[in-house]
Amino acid sequence: MTIFTVNSGVISSGISLASGDSLTVNAGAIAIATSVNNGVTALIHGSAIATVISGGAEAVYAGGGARALCFLS
């Protein structure tokens, strides 16, 4: 289990989330090319770009944004 937190002013790239992992992207932060797999929910308060979702979910909160999502079955 890994807990990822992307804080304001930081850009993350290429994080891959598996069962038991968590990701929080805080306001003012950007997550690029994240993979969300197998029951994981990524919490987005900042920006998420080019997320690939396969069996997971992405929750985008007020003030946050998501662009170029790809859903795989």
C-alpha atoms as a PDB file:
ATOM      1  CA  MET A   1       0.000   0.000   0.000  1.00  0.00           C
ATOM      2  CA  THR A   2       1.402   3.351  -1.056  1.00  0.00           C
ATOM      3  CA  ILE A   3      -0.098   6.750  -0.267  1.00  0.00           C
ATOM      4  CA  PHE A   4       0.641   9.424  -2.879  1.00  0.00           C
ATOM      5  CA  THR A   5      -0.010  13.115  -2.200  1.00  0.00           C
ATOM      6  CA  VAL A   6       0.709  15.778  -4.820  1.00  0.00           C
ATOM      7  CA  ASN A   7       0.906  19.176  -3.145  1.00  0.00           C
ATOM      8  CA  SER A   8       0.261  22.659  -4.536  1.00  0.00           C
ATOM      9  CA  GLY A   9       2.891  23.770  -7.044  1.00  0.00           C
ATOM     10  CA  VAL A  10       4.002  20.185  -7.808  1.00  0.00           C
ATOM     11  CA  ILE A  11       3.514  18.228 -11.051  1.00  0.00           C
ATOM     12  CA  SER A  12       3.521  14.424 -10.871  1.00  0.00           C
ATOM     13  CA  SER A  13       3.893  12.164 -13.883  1.00  0.00           C
ATOM     14  CA  GLY A  14       3.464   8.447 -14.453  1.00  0.00           C
ATOM     15  CA  ILE A  15       2.103   7.321 -11.085  1.00  0.00           C
ATOM     16  CA  SER A  16       0.526   3.866 -11.283  1.00  0.00           C
ATOM     17  CA  LEU A  17      -1.998   2.995  -8.580  1.00  0.00           C
ATOM     18  CA  ALA A  18      -2.866  -0.584  -7.635  1.00  0.00           C
ATOM     19  CA  SER A  19      -5.245  -2.072  -5.093  1.00  0.00           C
ATOM     20  CA  GLY A  20      -4.642  -0.559  -1.659  1.00  0.00           C
ATOM     21  CA  ASP A  21      -2.878   2.565  -2.983  1.00  0.00           C
ATOM     22  CA  SER A  22      -4.276   6.074  -2.717  1.00  0.00           C
ATOM     23  CA  LEU A  23      -3.687   9.357  -4.553  1.00  0.00           C
ATOM     24  CA  THR A  24      -4.722  12.837  -3.510  1.00  0.00           C
ATOM     25  CA  VAL A  25      -3.975  15.729  -5.849  1.00  0.00           C
ATOM     26  CA  ASN A  26      -4.325  18.928  -3.825  1.00  0.00           C
ATOM     27  CA  ALA A  27      -5.513  22.290  -5.174  1.00  0.00           C
ATOM     28  CA  GLY A  28      -2.794  23.909  -7.280  1.00  0.00           C
ATOM     29  CA  ALA A  29      -1.165  20.548  -8.109  1.00  0.00           C
ATOM     30  CA  ILE A  30      -1.177  18.617 -11.398  1.00  0.00           C
ATOM     31  CA  ALA A  31      -1.106  14.852 -12.021  1.00  0.00           C
ATOM     32  CA  ILE A  32      -0.195  13.780 -15.566  1.00  0.00           C
ATOM     33  CA  ALA A  33      -0.462  10.274 -17.070  1.00  0.00           C
ATOM     34  CA  THR A  34      -1.707   8.533 -13.934  1.00  0.00           C
ATOM     35  CA  SER A  35      -2.940   4.923 -14.098  1.00  0.00           C
ATOM     36  CA  VAL A  36      -5.819   4.129 -11.724  1.00  0.00           C
ATOM     37  CA  ASN A  37      -6.449   0.396 -11.405  1.00  0.00           C
ATOM     38  CA  ASN A  38      -8.502  -2.227  -9.554  1.00  0.00           C
ATOM     39  CA  GLY A  39     -10.774  -0.508  -7.065  1.00  0.00           C
ATOM     40  CA  VAL A  40      -8.620   2.564  -6.386  1.00  0.00           C
ATOM     41  CA  THR A  41     -10.228   6.020  -6.339  1.00  0.00           C
ATOM     42  CA  ALA A  42      -7.984   9.013  -7.067  1.00  0.00           C
ATOM     43  CA  LEU A  43      -9.113  12.189  -5.258  1.00  0.00           C
ATOM     44  CA  ILE A  44      -8.607  15.267  -7.444  1.00  0.00           C
ATOM     45  CA  HIS A  45      -8.768  18.748  -5.931  1.00  0.00           C
ATOM     46  CA  GLY A  46      -6.256  20.137  -8.462  1.00  0.00           C
ATOM     47  CA  SER A  47      -5.816  18.993 -12.084  1.00  0.00           C
ATOM     48  CA  ALA A  48      -5.590  15.535 -13.636  1.00  0.00           C
ATOM     49  CA  ILE A  49      -4.475  15.179 -17.250  1.00  0.00           C
ATOM     50  CA  ALA A  50      -4.340  12.013 -19.396  1.00  0.00           C
ATOM     51  CA  THR A  51      -5.513   9.624 -16.684  1.00  0.00           C
ATOM     52  CA  VAL A  52      -6.012   5.973 -17.643  1.00  0.00           C
ATOM     53  CA  ILE A  53      -8.708   4.285 -15.544  1.00  0.00           C
ATOM     54  CA  SER A  54      -8.979   0.491 -15.511  1.00  0.00           C
ATOM     55  CA  GLY A  55     -11.252  -0.821 -12.781  1.00  0.00           C
ATOM     56  CA  GLY A  56     -10.744   2.291 -10.635  1.00  0.00           C
ATOM     57  CA  ALA A  57     -12.303   5.738 -10.386  1.00  0.00           C
ATOM     58  CA  GLU A  58     -11.412   9.401 -10.252  1.00  0.00           C
ATOM     59  CA  ALA A  59     -13.341  11.776  -7.985  1.00  0.00           C
ATOM     60  CA  VAL A  60     -13.004  15.400  -9.091  1.00  0.00           C
ATOM     61  CA  TYR A  61     -13.966  17.958  -6.457  1.00  0.00           C
ATOM     62  CA  ALA A  62     -15.143  21.561  -6.868  1.00  0.00           C
ATOM     63  CA  GLY A  63     -12.261  23.659  -8.147  1.00  0.00           C
ATOM     64  CA  GLY A  64     -10.519  20.606  -9.609  1.00  0.00           C
ATOM     65  CA  GLY A  65     -10.440  19.472 -13.213  1.00  0.00           C
ATOM     66  CA  ALA A  66      -9.854  16.401 -15.350  1.00  0.00           C
ATOM     67  CA  ARG A  67      -8.875  16.312 -19.028  1.00  0.00           C
ATOM     68  CA  ALA A  68      -8.279  13.501 -21.523  1.00  0.00           C
ATOM     69  CA  LEU A  69      -9.535  10.555 -19.472  1.00  0.00           C
ATOM     70  CA  CYS A  70      -9.261   7.063 -20.928  1.00  0.00           C
ATOM     71  CA  PHE A  71     -11.455   4.272 -19.525  1.00  0.00           C
ATOM     72  CA  LEU A  72     -10.384   0.672 -20.106  1.00  0.00           C
ATOM     73  CA  SER A  73     -12.547  -2.353 -19.365  1.00  0.00           C
END
